[in-house]
Amino acid sequence: MTWTPIIEATYFDGIRTDLLTTAAGIVSCLLIVVGLGILYKVFH
């Protein structure tokens, strides 16, 4: 088995990008939910 570092590096870069995108999406959703909750409490 011969490992090609270029393929490995791009493979892991792809995974890391996907994880970052997923994490960013989750954080965005949480911020929106928290923001709506705060607004709801402020105005009600």
Protein backbone atom coordinates (compact mmCIF):
# COMPACT_ATOMS: atom_id res chain seq x y z
CA MET A 1 0.00 0.00 0.00
CA THR A 2 1.46 3.33 -1.03
CA TRP A 3 -0.05 6.40 0.57
CA THR A 4 -0.27 9.60 -1.44
CA PRO A 5 -0.14 12.56 0.98
CA ILE A 6 -1.88 14.87 -1.51
CA ILE A 7 -5.00 12.68 -1.69
CA GLU A 8 -4.97 12.17 2.09
CA ALA A 9 -4.60 15.90 2.77
CA THR A 10 -7.45 16.92 0.47
CA TYR A 11 -9.58 14.10 1.88
CA PHE A 12 -9.14 15.39 5.42
CA ASP A 13 -9.54 19.01 4.30
CA GLY A 14 -12.88 18.03 2.80
CA ILE A 15 -14.00 16.36 6.03
CA ARG A 16 -12.84 19.34 8.08
CA THR A 17 -14.71 21.75 5.77
CA ASP A 18 -17.87 19.64 6.07
CA LEU A 19 -17.55 19.60 9.87
CA LEU A 20 -17.01 23.36 9.97
CA THR A 21 -20.03 23.91 7.73
CA THR A 22 -22.16 21.62 9.91
CA ALA A 23 -20.91 23.28 13.11
CA ALA A 24 -21.58 26.74 11.65
CA GLY A 25 -25.11 25.70 10.71
CA ILE A 26 -25.82 24.31 14.18
CA VAL A 27 -24.40 27.43 15.87
CA SER A 28 -26.46 29.66 13.56
CA CYS A 29 -29.65 27.75 14.42
CA LEU A 30 -28.87 27.96 18.14
CA LEU A 31 -28.22 31.70 17.91
CA ILE A 32 -31.49 32.24 16.04
CA VAL A 33 -33.44 30.18 18.61
CA VAL A 34 -31.78 31.97 21.53
CA GLY A 35 -32.33 35.35 19.87
CA LEU A 36 -36.02 34.59 19.29
CA GLY A 37 -36.34 33.42 22.91
CA ILE A 38 -34.81 36.66 24.20
CA LEU A 39 -37.02 38.78 21.94
CA TYR A 40 -40.07 36.80 23.07
CA LYS A 41 -39.23 37.39 26.73
CA VAL A 42 -38.51 41.09 26.14
CA PHE A 43 -41.76 41.76 24.29
CA HIS A 44 -44.12 39.56 26.31
